[in-house]
Amino acid sequence: MNSSIDNKNKVSVITVVFNDAKHIRETMESFFSQTWEAKEYIVIDGGSTDGTADIIREYSDRLAYWCSERDNGIYDAMNKGISKAKGDWINILNSGDTFVSNDALYSVFHGRETDGVDVIYGNSIESGPRAKVRKTASANAKLLEFSPIYRHGSSFVRTEVHRKFPFDTSNRRFGYALDWDVIYRMYKSGCKFEKTDTDIECYAKEGVSNNPIRNLWYNYLITTQDGDRRARKFFFFLKAISVSELKRTCLYRVAHALFLTYIVNDILPIVPFWKLRRAYLKLLGMKIGKGTFIMKDNYFINPNLIAVGDHSHINRGCTIDARGKIKIGNSVSVSHNVNIITGSHDIHSSSFVGVFKEISISDYAWIGIGSTILQGVSIGKGAVVCAGAVVTKDVGDYEIVAGIPAHTIGKREKNLDYHCSWTTPLT
């Protein structure tokens, strides 16, 4: 790491903890495993009595600052950590949470020009008792007017900005949502937010903030504290409450199975008219671009989480599992019997938890017959996946890959200019 850009991006990671000897070591090791060199670690312990402080003490010579003393709660501890930070950016990594990979910080900051940016945010992995789910942050920062679009732990705030916007520990109205209050106040003040398409933090689903109704109430209180758009935000609150409650009912589960599984995979395959199939898939929320054609007899899981660009073609017999989301670009050809799989399981989990990661396939890519694209993979522009290949890692632009697992065997010409088209009726 030698570039002047990288040297401007020292990260101060702050962990706050109280009586969590079970998880603190994993969180700390997650920081120390980061390949990004420009970093420092601050740990604020609230006077633990269960051995947490003893574990922290083992790492004391590698910490920029740490203490174990009584405080006034989690946000008071965060403010204490912010006051000690000497880096350019602040990240809050609570005890029990971890970075998604050893390269998380590196992926965010290496070569990034950050002048004029106040907050960098990315995606998260939610770890629950039954599944790990990728939570993709929205790139549209204007949505912060109504609700959070990313998880606080998956963000980096300029140190001077965070000191200007500390957590308001005197405010009791917003309960455990003071982190969202800070984000909202930064947004309303004109701070510049920039998204990175990086998975940053893995967090446990079950926690103090895992209360959907209370979350929505705090969200409404925070976004209306300035009196702006109060009526519209109240409607947003009521709609969100209704959807949240509906999803907990048996009726919702039956409807979900009927419309997204049974009709899609048992009735649509025998409908010979693409326009009718297209209309139904779009009604479910699937994004289908101009000139794109999807043949009959494909099996879809969560088609509402699929986005396909213009003039692309998906042939018959494909299994398209979009539980982790799938993005397909323009002029992409997906051949017969291709498997695109975003869902899997953690083989090291005693409870066999599910893991879901997004797949993206860029413009002009050609996915050969009988090939398999596994979760979390990105296929570059103009890339070719040869017949029968199993793709387990990213494929670069214009690369030709083959084999199990797939490996590069050549390069494709770059002067591509065509549309995938299909005009045969009744298919």
Protein backbone atom coordinates (compact mmCIF):
# COMPACT_ATOMS: atom_id res chain seq x y z
CA MET A 1 0.00 0.00 0.00
CA ASN A 2 2.08 2.89 -1.31
CA SER A 3 -0.27 5.26 -3.08
CA SER A 4 -0.93 8.73 -1.71
CA ILE A 5 -4.66 8.05 -2.04
CA ASP A 6 -4.43 5.02 0.24
CA ASN A 7 -2.37 6.93 2.80
CA LYS A 8 -5.18 9.48 3.17
CA ASN A 9 -7.58 6.79 4.34
CA LYS A 10 -6.55 5.57 7.76
CA VAL A 11 -9.47 3.82 9.44
CA SER A 12 -10.23 3.96 13.17
CA VAL A 13 -12.35 0.94 14.06
CA ILE A 14 -14.19 1.25 17.38
CA THR A 15 -15.64 -1.70 19.29
CA VAL A 16 -17.86 -1.14 22.31
CA VAL A 17 -18.59 -4.04 24.61
CA PHE A 18 -20.04 -4.98 27.97
CA ASN A 19 -19.95 -8.51 29.43
CA ASP A 20 -19.53 -10.33 26.12
CA ALA A 21 -16.61 -12.67 26.73
CA LYS A 22 -18.31 -15.15 24.40
CA HIS A 23 -17.91 -12.99 21.28
CA ILE A 24 -15.33 -10.24 21.88
CA ARG A 25 -12.34 -12.29 20.74
CA GLU A 26 -13.95 -13.15 17.40
CA THR A 27 -14.72 -9.47 16.79
CA MET A 28 -11.19 -8.38 17.68
CA GLU A 29 -9.58 -11.06 15.52
CA SER A 30 -11.79 -9.90 12.67
CA PHE A 31 -10.14 -6.47 12.92
CA PHE A 32 -6.59 -7.80 13.19
CA SER A 33 -7.09 -10.05 10.17
CA GLN A 34 -7.77 -7.06 7.92
CA THR A 35 -5.19 -6.73 5.14
CA TRP A 36 -5.62 -2.94 5.05
CA GLU A 37 -2.55 -1.50 6.78
CA ALA A 38 -3.74 2.04 7.53
CA LYS A 39 -5.87 1.22 10.52
CA GLU A 40 -6.08 1.49 14.29
CA TYR A 41 -8.26 -0.26 16.84
CA ILE A 42 -10.06 1.28 19.81
CA VAL A 43 -11.97 -0.87 22.31
CA ILE A 44 -14.30 0.64 24.91
CA ASP A 45 -15.46 -1.77 27.61
CA GLY A 46 -18.18 -0.67 29.99
CA GLY A 47 -16.57 -2.25 33.05
CA SER A 48 -17.29 -5.91 32.28
CA THR A 49 -17.18 -8.47 35.09
CA ASP A 50 -17.36 -11.71 33.04
CA GLY A 51 -13.76 -11.86 31.80
CA THR A 52 -14.22 -9.61 28.75
CA ALA A 53 -11.63 -7.12 30.03
CA ASP A 54 -9.10 -9.93 30.52
CA ILE A 55 -9.48 -10.94 26.87
CA ILE A 56 -9.07 -7.34 25.70
CA ARG A 57 -5.96 -6.99 27.86
CA GLU A 58 -4.33 -9.84 25.91
CA TYR A 59 -4.34 -7.56 22.86
CA SER A 60 -3.41 -4.34 24.67
CA ASP A 61 -0.06 -3.86 22.90
CA ARG A 62 -1.89 -3.90 19.53
CA LEU A 63 -4.59 -1.39 20.49
CA ALA A 64 -4.45 2.34 19.86
CA TYR A 65 -6.59 2.85 22.97
CA TRP A 66 -8.71 0.79 25.32
CA CYS A 67 -10.39 1.16 28.67
CA SER A 68 -12.65 -0.79 30.98
CA GLU A 69 -14.82 1.52 33.05
CA ARG A 70 -18.45 2.31 33.70
CA ASP A 71 -20.20 4.46 31.15
CA ASN A 72 -23.71 5.67 30.39
CA GLY A 73 -24.54 3.06 27.78
CA ILE A 74 -23.55 1.98 24.30
CA TYR A 75 -23.78 5.40 22.64
CA ASP A 76 -21.82 7.11 25.40
CA ALA A 77 -19.12 4.47 24.84
CA MET A 78 -19.17 5.14 21.09
CA ASN A 79 -18.72 8.87 21.70
CA LYS A 80 -15.77 8.08 23.96
CA GLY A 81 -14.19 6.01 21.21
CA ILE A 82 -14.77 8.72 18.61
CA SER A 83 -12.98 11.25 20.85
CA LYS A 84 -9.88 9.01 20.90
CA ALA A 85 -9.78 8.28 17.14
CA LYS A 86 -6.76 9.49 15.15
CA GLY A 87 -7.71 8.04 11.78
CA ASP A 88 -9.37 9.73 8.80
CA TRP A 89 -12.46 7.52 8.99
CA ILE A 90 -14.46 5.92 11.79
CA ASN A 91 -16.15 2.54 11.68
CA ILE A 92 -18.18 1.09 14.55
CA LEU A 93 -17.81 -2.69 14.88
CA ASN A 94 -19.85 -3.81 17.86
CA SER A 95 -18.89 -6.86 19.89
CA GLY A 96 -20.35 -9.94 18.27
CA ASP A 97 -20.11 -8.45 14.79
CA THR A 98 -17.30 -9.15 12.33
CA PHE A 99 -16.01 -7.94 9.01
CA VAL A 100 -17.30 -10.11 6.19
CA SER A 101 -13.83 -10.85 4.82
CA ASN A 102 -10.18 -10.14 5.57
CA ASP A 103 -10.15 -7.75 2.61
CA ALA A 104 -13.23 -5.74 3.60
CA LEU A 105 -11.36 -2.52 4.44
CA TYR A 106 -8.98 -3.00 1.51
CA SER A 107 -11.88 -3.42 -0.91
CA VAL A 108 -13.46 -0.20 0.32
CA PHE A 109 -10.43 2.08 0.35
CA HIS A 110 -7.73 0.81 -2.00
CA GLY A 111 -7.34 3.33 -4.81
CA ARG A 112 -10.52 5.19 -3.80
CA GLU A 113 -10.55 8.96 -4.21
CA THR A 114 -12.45 10.17 -1.16
CA ASP A 115 -12.10 13.95 -1.42
CA GLY A 116 -15.45 15.59 -0.81
CA VAL A 117 -17.06 12.41 0.56
CA ASP A 118 -18.34 12.41 4.15
CA VAL A 119 -19.81 8.91 4.49
CA ILE A 120 -18.93 5.71 2.63
CA TYR A 121 -21.36 2.85 3.10
CA GLY A 122 -21.81 -0.68 1.76
CA ASN A 123 -23.64 -3.96 2.08
CA SER A 124 -24.05 -6.23 5.10
CA ILE A 125 -24.56 -9.90 5.87
CA GLU A 126 -27.33 -10.66 8.35
CA SER A 127 -26.65 -13.87 10.28
CA GLY A 128 -29.75 -15.49 11.74
CA PRO A 129 -30.42 -18.85 13.36
CA ARG A 130 -31.53 -20.34 10.01
CA ALA A 131 -29.81 -18.29 7.31
CA LYS A 132 -27.22 -15.73 6.37
CA VAL A 133 -28.72 -13.12 4.06
CA ARG A 134 -26.96 -10.38 2.12
CA LYS A 135 -28.51 -6.99 2.81
CA THR A 136 -27.76 -4.84 -0.21
CA ALA A 137 -27.59 -1.12 0.50
CA SER A 138 -29.34 1.24 -1.90
CA ALA A 139 -27.18 3.50 -4.03
CA ASN A 140 -29.88 6.18 -3.87
CA ALA A 141 -28.94 8.30 -0.86
CA LYS A 142 -32.11 10.39 -1.29
CA LEU A 143 -34.04 7.49 0.25
CA LEU A 144 -32.48 8.46 3.59
CA GLU A 145 -35.24 11.05 3.75
CA PHE A 146 -37.62 8.22 4.73
CA SER A 147 -35.64 5.33 6.20
CA PRO A 148 -32.18 3.78 6.64
CA ILE A 149 -30.65 2.33 3.48
CA TYR A 150 -27.62 0.66 5.07
CA ARG A 151 -26.51 -0.72 8.41
CA HIS A 152 -24.50 1.62 10.60
CA GLY A 153 -21.67 -0.90 11.08
CA SER A 154 -21.22 -1.12 7.31
CA SER A 155 -20.24 2.53 6.99
CA PHE A 156 -17.25 4.81 7.41
CA VAL A 157 -17.73 8.39 8.56
CA ARG A 158 -15.06 11.06 8.33
CA THR A 159 -13.67 11.59 11.82
CA GLU A 160 -14.25 15.34 11.83
CA VAL A 161 -17.83 14.78 10.61
CA HIS A 162 -18.58 12.24 13.34
CA ARG A 163 -17.22 14.61 15.96
CA LYS A 164 -19.55 17.28 14.60
CA PHE A 165 -22.42 14.77 14.83
CA PRO A 166 -21.95 12.77 18.07
CA PHE A 167 -24.61 10.43 19.41
CA ASP A 168 -27.14 12.47 21.37
CA THR A 169 -27.18 10.53 24.62
CA SER A 170 -29.54 13.07 26.20
CA ASN A 171 -32.29 12.06 23.75
CA ARG A 172 -34.48 9.32 25.24
CA ARG A 173 -37.19 9.43 22.54
CA PHE A 174 -35.20 7.47 19.96
CA GLY A 175 -34.18 4.58 22.24
CA TYR A 176 -31.66 2.28 20.60
CA ALA A 177 -31.94 4.14 17.24
CA LEU A 178 -29.48 6.96 18.00
CA ASP A 179 -27.19 5.64 15.27
CA TRP A 180 -29.97 6.21 12.70
CA ASP A 181 -30.58 9.64 14.24
CA VAL A 182 -26.93 10.55 13.58
CA ILE A 183 -27.13 9.30 9.98
CA TYR A 184 -30.35 11.25 9.37
CA ARG A 185 -28.93 14.46 10.83
CA MET A 186 -25.81 14.11 8.67
CA TYR A 187 -28.00 13.60 5.61
CA LYS A 188 -30.19 16.62 6.34
CA SER A 189 -27.11 18.79 6.89
CA GLY A 190 -25.94 18.09 3.35
CA CYS A 191 -23.21 15.51 3.97
CA LYS A 192 -22.19 13.58 0.87
CA PHE A 193 -22.90 9.84 0.99
CA GLU A 194 -21.19 7.42 -1.40
CA LYS A 195 -21.92 3.72 -1.80
CA THR A 196 -19.32 1.01 -2.27
CA ASP A 197 -20.56 -2.34 -3.55
CA THR A 198 -18.62 -4.16 -0.83
CA ASP A 199 -19.90 -6.55 1.83
CA ILE A 200 -18.53 -4.93 4.98
CA GLU A 201 -20.12 -6.14 8.21
CA CYS A 202 -21.63 -9.44 9.31
CA TYR A 203 -24.05 -8.96 12.20
CA ALA A 204 -26.34 -11.14 14.28
CA LYS A 205 -30.02 -10.78 13.42
CA GLU A 206 -31.19 -11.32 16.97
CA GLY A 207 -30.37 -8.33 19.14
CA VAL A 208 -31.79 -5.36 20.95
CA SER A 209 -32.87 -3.70 17.67
CA ASN A 210 -34.56 -6.81 16.22
CA ASN A 211 -38.06 -5.41 16.80
CA PRO A 212 -39.65 -4.43 13.46
CA ILE A 213 -42.57 -2.43 14.83
CA ARG A 214 -40.48 -0.46 17.31
CA ASN A 215 -37.87 0.12 14.60
CA LEU A 216 -40.49 1.64 12.33
CA TRP A 217 -41.78 3.87 15.14
CA TYR A 218 -38.30 5.18 15.92
CA ASN A 219 -37.78 5.68 12.21
CA TYR A 220 -40.92 7.83 12.02
CA LEU A 221 -39.90 9.90 15.06
CA ILE A 222 -36.42 10.54 13.68
CA THR A 223 -37.45 11.45 10.14
CA THR A 224 -40.16 13.84 11.35
CA GLN A 225 -38.12 15.63 14.01
CA ASP A 226 -37.62 18.58 11.64
CA GLY A 227 -41.32 18.70 10.69
CA ASP A 228 -40.52 18.10 7.02
CA ARG A 229 -42.99 16.02 4.94
CA ARG A 230 -44.71 14.83 8.10
CA ALA A 231 -47.91 13.63 6.37
CA ARG A 232 -46.02 11.70 3.70
CA LYS A 233 -43.76 10.10 6.28
CA PHE A 234 -46.73 9.10 8.41
CA PHE A 235 -48.20 7.34 5.34
CA PHE A 236 -44.82 5.63 4.82
CA PHE A 237 -44.92 4.52 8.47
CA LEU A 238 -48.46 3.09 8.19
CA LYS A 239 -47.62 1.27 4.96
CA ALA A 240 -44.45 -0.22 6.45
CA ILE A 241 -46.36 -1.36 9.56
CA SER A 242 -49.04 -3.01 7.40
CA VAL A 243 -46.49 -4.86 5.27
CA SER A 244 -44.55 -5.97 8.34
CA GLU A 245 -47.65 -7.37 10.02
CA LEU A 246 -48.94 -8.98 6.82
CA LYS A 247 -45.68 -10.91 6.36
CA ARG A 248 -46.21 -12.58 9.72
CA THR A 249 -49.54 -14.12 8.73
CA CYS A 250 -50.36 -17.53 7.29
CA LEU A 251 -52.25 -15.80 4.46
CA TYR A 252 -49.03 -14.12 3.32
CA ARG A 253 -47.12 -17.41 3.27
CA VAL A 254 -49.85 -19.09 1.23
CA ALA A 255 -50.04 -16.15 -1.20
CA HIS A 256 -46.26 -16.08 -1.51
CA ALA A 257 -46.18 -19.78 -2.38
CA LEU A 258 -49.09 -19.44 -4.82
CA PHE A 259 -47.96 -16.40 -6.79
CA LEU A 260 -44.15 -16.69 -6.64
CA THR A 261 -43.76 -20.47 -6.80
CA TYR A 262 -46.78 -22.42 -8.01
CA ILE A 263 -47.99 -20.10 -10.78
CA VAL A 264 -44.45 -19.23 -11.87
CA ASN A 265 -43.15 -22.80 -12.08
CA ASP A 266 -46.25 -24.92 -12.74
CA ILE A 267 -48.52 -22.73 -14.84
CA LEU A 268 -46.29 -20.22 -16.68
CA PRO A 269 -44.16 -22.98 -18.28
CA ILE A 270 -47.19 -24.16 -20.27
CA VAL A 271 -48.21 -20.64 -21.35
CA PRO A 272 -46.98 -20.38 -24.96
CA PHE A 273 -47.09 -16.58 -25.19
CA TRP A 274 -44.06 -14.64 -23.93
CA LYS A 275 -46.02 -11.40 -23.62
CA LEU A 276 -48.33 -13.02 -21.05
CA ARG A 277 -45.44 -14.60 -19.13
CA ARG A 278 -43.54 -11.32 -19.26
CA ALA A 279 -46.51 -9.35 -17.93
CA TYR A 280 -46.93 -11.69 -14.96
CA LEU A 281 -43.24 -11.76 -14.08
CA LYS A 282 -43.10 -7.96 -14.19
CA LEU A 283 -46.21 -7.79 -12.00
CA LEU A 284 -44.30 -9.81 -9.39
CA GLY A 285 -41.49 -7.26 -9.47
CA MET A 286 -39.05 -8.84 -11.89
CA LYS A 287 -37.29 -6.20 -14.00
CA ILE A 288 -37.23 -7.14 -17.69
CA GLY A 289 -35.68 -4.82 -20.26
CA LYS A 290 -36.68 -4.00 -23.82
CA GLY A 291 -36.31 -6.85 -26.31
CA THR A 292 -35.46 -9.45 -23.64
CA PHE A 293 -36.93 -12.93 -24.10
CA ILE A 294 -37.21 -15.76 -21.56
CA MET A 295 -38.28 -19.13 -22.91
CA LYS A 296 -40.67 -21.59 -21.27
CA ASP A 297 -39.75 -24.38 -18.86
CA ASN A 298 -37.38 -22.51 -16.56
CA TYR A 299 -37.52 -22.90 -12.79
CA PHE A 300 -37.43 -19.63 -10.79
CA ILE A 301 -36.90 -19.05 -7.08
CA ASN A 302 -37.84 -15.50 -6.08
CA PRO A 303 -38.24 -14.03 -9.59
CA ASN A 304 -39.11 -10.73 -7.89
CA LEU A 305 -35.40 -10.38 -7.05
CA ILE A 306 -34.21 -10.66 -10.67
CA ALA A 307 -33.28 -7.74 -12.93
CA VAL A 308 -32.54 -8.38 -16.62
CA GLY A 309 -31.40 -5.66 -19.01
CA ASP A 310 -32.27 -5.10 -22.68
CA HIS A 311 -32.04 -7.63 -25.52
CA SER A 312 -30.99 -10.57 -23.38
CA HIS A 313 -32.10 -14.18 -23.84
CA ILE A 314 -32.63 -17.01 -21.35
CA ASN A 315 -33.13 -20.45 -22.90
CA ARG A 316 -35.11 -23.42 -21.61
CA GLY A 317 -34.37 -25.72 -18.71
CA CYS A 318 -32.55 -23.20 -16.51
CA THR A 319 -32.72 -23.12 -12.73
CA ILE A 320 -32.56 -19.51 -11.61
CA ASP A 321 -32.33 -19.12 -7.84
CA ALA A 322 -32.57 -15.42 -7.01
CA ARG A 323 -32.93 -15.57 -3.22
CA GLY A 324 -29.70 -13.54 -2.97
CA LYS A 325 -30.63 -11.36 -6.00
CA ILE A 326 -29.53 -11.69 -9.62
CA LYS A 327 -28.56 -8.89 -11.99
CA ILE A 328 -28.23 -9.67 -15.70
CA GLY A 329 -27.08 -6.96 -18.10
CA ASN A 330 -27.82 -6.15 -21.73
CA SER A 331 -27.34 -8.59 -24.65
CA VAL A 332 -26.61 -11.52 -22.34
CA SER A 333 -27.13 -15.03 -23.68
CA VAL A 334 -27.97 -17.73 -21.12
CA SER A 335 -27.99 -21.13 -22.83
CA HIS A 336 -30.12 -24.20 -22.10
CA ASN A 337 -29.95 -25.95 -18.72
CA VAL A 338 -27.84 -23.31 -17.00
CA ASN A 339 -27.95 -23.12 -13.19
CA ILE A 340 -27.63 -19.70 -11.57
CA ILE A 341 -27.57 -20.34 -7.83
CA THR A 342 -27.44 -17.58 -5.20
CA GLY A 343 -28.48 -19.81 -2.29
CA SER A 344 -26.43 -22.35 -0.37
CA HIS A 345 -25.73 -23.55 3.19
CA ASP A 346 -22.87 -23.10 5.61
CA ILE A 347 -21.33 -26.58 5.75
CA HIS A 348 -19.61 -25.71 9.03
CA SER A 349 -22.85 -24.68 10.72
CA SER A 350 -24.32 -27.16 13.19
CA SER A 351 -27.78 -25.93 12.21
CA PHE A 352 -27.08 -25.95 8.43
CA VAL A 353 -27.88 -22.23 8.07
CA GLY A 354 -28.68 -20.89 4.63
CA VAL A 355 -26.33 -18.43 2.92
CA PHE A 356 -27.49 -16.13 0.10
CA LYS A 357 -25.19 -13.98 -2.06
CA GLU A 358 -25.91 -11.91 -5.15
CA ILE A 359 -24.82 -12.89 -8.68
CA SER A 360 -24.21 -10.34 -11.41
CA ILE A 361 -23.73 -11.04 -15.13
CA SER A 362 -22.54 -8.08 -17.20
CA ASP A 363 -23.37 -6.99 -20.77
CA TYR A 364 -22.58 -9.33 -23.70
CA ALA A 365 -21.72 -12.27 -21.44
CA TRP A 366 -22.44 -15.73 -22.85
CA ILE A 367 -23.26 -18.51 -20.40
CA GLY A 368 -22.78 -21.87 -22.11
CA ILE A 369 -25.14 -24.85 -22.06
CA GLY A 370 -25.24 -26.86 -18.85
CA SER A 371 -22.94 -24.53 -16.93
CA THR A 372 -23.39 -23.51 -13.29
CA ILE A 373 -22.81 -20.08 -11.73
CA LEU A 374 -22.45 -20.29 -7.96
CA GLN A 375 -23.35 -17.67 -5.36
CA GLY A 376 -21.49 -14.40 -4.98
CA VAL A 377 -19.93 -14.57 -8.44
CA SER A 378 -19.64 -11.67 -10.88
CA ILE A 379 -19.33 -12.38 -14.61
CA GLY A 380 -17.56 -9.57 -16.45
CA LYS A 381 -18.54 -7.78 -19.64
CA GLY A 382 -18.27 -9.95 -22.74
CA ALA A 383 -17.11 -12.96 -20.73
CA VAL A 384 -17.79 -16.52 -21.94
CA VAL A 385 -18.55 -19.45 -19.65
CA CYS A 386 -18.02 -22.61 -21.68
CA ALA A 387 -20.46 -25.52 -21.70
CA GLY A 388 -20.55 -27.54 -18.50
CA ALA A 389 -18.29 -25.20 -16.53
CA VAL A 390 -18.80 -24.61 -12.81
CA VAL A 391 -17.96 -21.01 -11.92
CA THR A 392 -16.91 -20.54 -8.30
CA LYS A 393 -15.13 -17.17 -8.50
CA ASP A 394 -15.39 -13.90 -10.43
CA VAL A 395 -14.76 -13.90 -14.18
CA GLY A 396 -13.08 -10.81 -15.63
CA ASP A 397 -14.18 -8.79 -18.65
CA TYR A 398 -13.87 -10.73 -21.94
CA GLU A 399 -12.37 -13.79 -20.22
CA ILE A 400 -13.23 -17.25 -21.53
CA VAL A 401 -13.46 -19.83 -18.75
CA ALA A 402 -14.01 -23.58 -18.79
CA GLY A 403 -13.76 -26.60 -16.53
CA ILE A 404 -14.66 -27.65 -13.00
CA PRO A 405 -13.90 -25.40 -11.29
CA ALA A 406 -13.80 -22.90 -14.14
CA HIS A 407 -10.44 -21.40 -15.08
CA THR A 408 -9.36 -18.97 -17.79
CA ILE A 409 -8.53 -20.53 -21.16
CA GLY A 410 -8.54 -17.45 -23.37
CA LYS A 411 -9.75 -13.96 -24.18
CA ARG A 412 -12.68 -12.79 -26.31
CA GLU A 413 -12.66 -9.95 -28.82
CA LYS A 414 -13.78 -6.64 -27.30
CA ASN A 415 -15.55 -5.07 -30.29
CA LEU A 416 -18.94 -6.56 -29.41
CA ASP A 417 -22.07 -4.94 -30.82
CA TYR A 418 -25.12 -7.19 -31.05
CA HIS A 419 -28.51 -7.94 -29.53
CA CYS A 420 -29.74 -11.37 -28.48
CA SER A 421 -33.06 -11.92 -30.28
CA TRP A 422 -35.66 -14.66 -30.57
CA THR A 423 -38.67 -14.41 -32.83
CA THR A 424 -39.98 -17.97 -32.93
CA PRO A 425 -43.60 -17.95 -31.67
CA LEU A 426 -45.07 -20.27 -29.03
CA THR A 427 -41.77 -20.66 -27.17
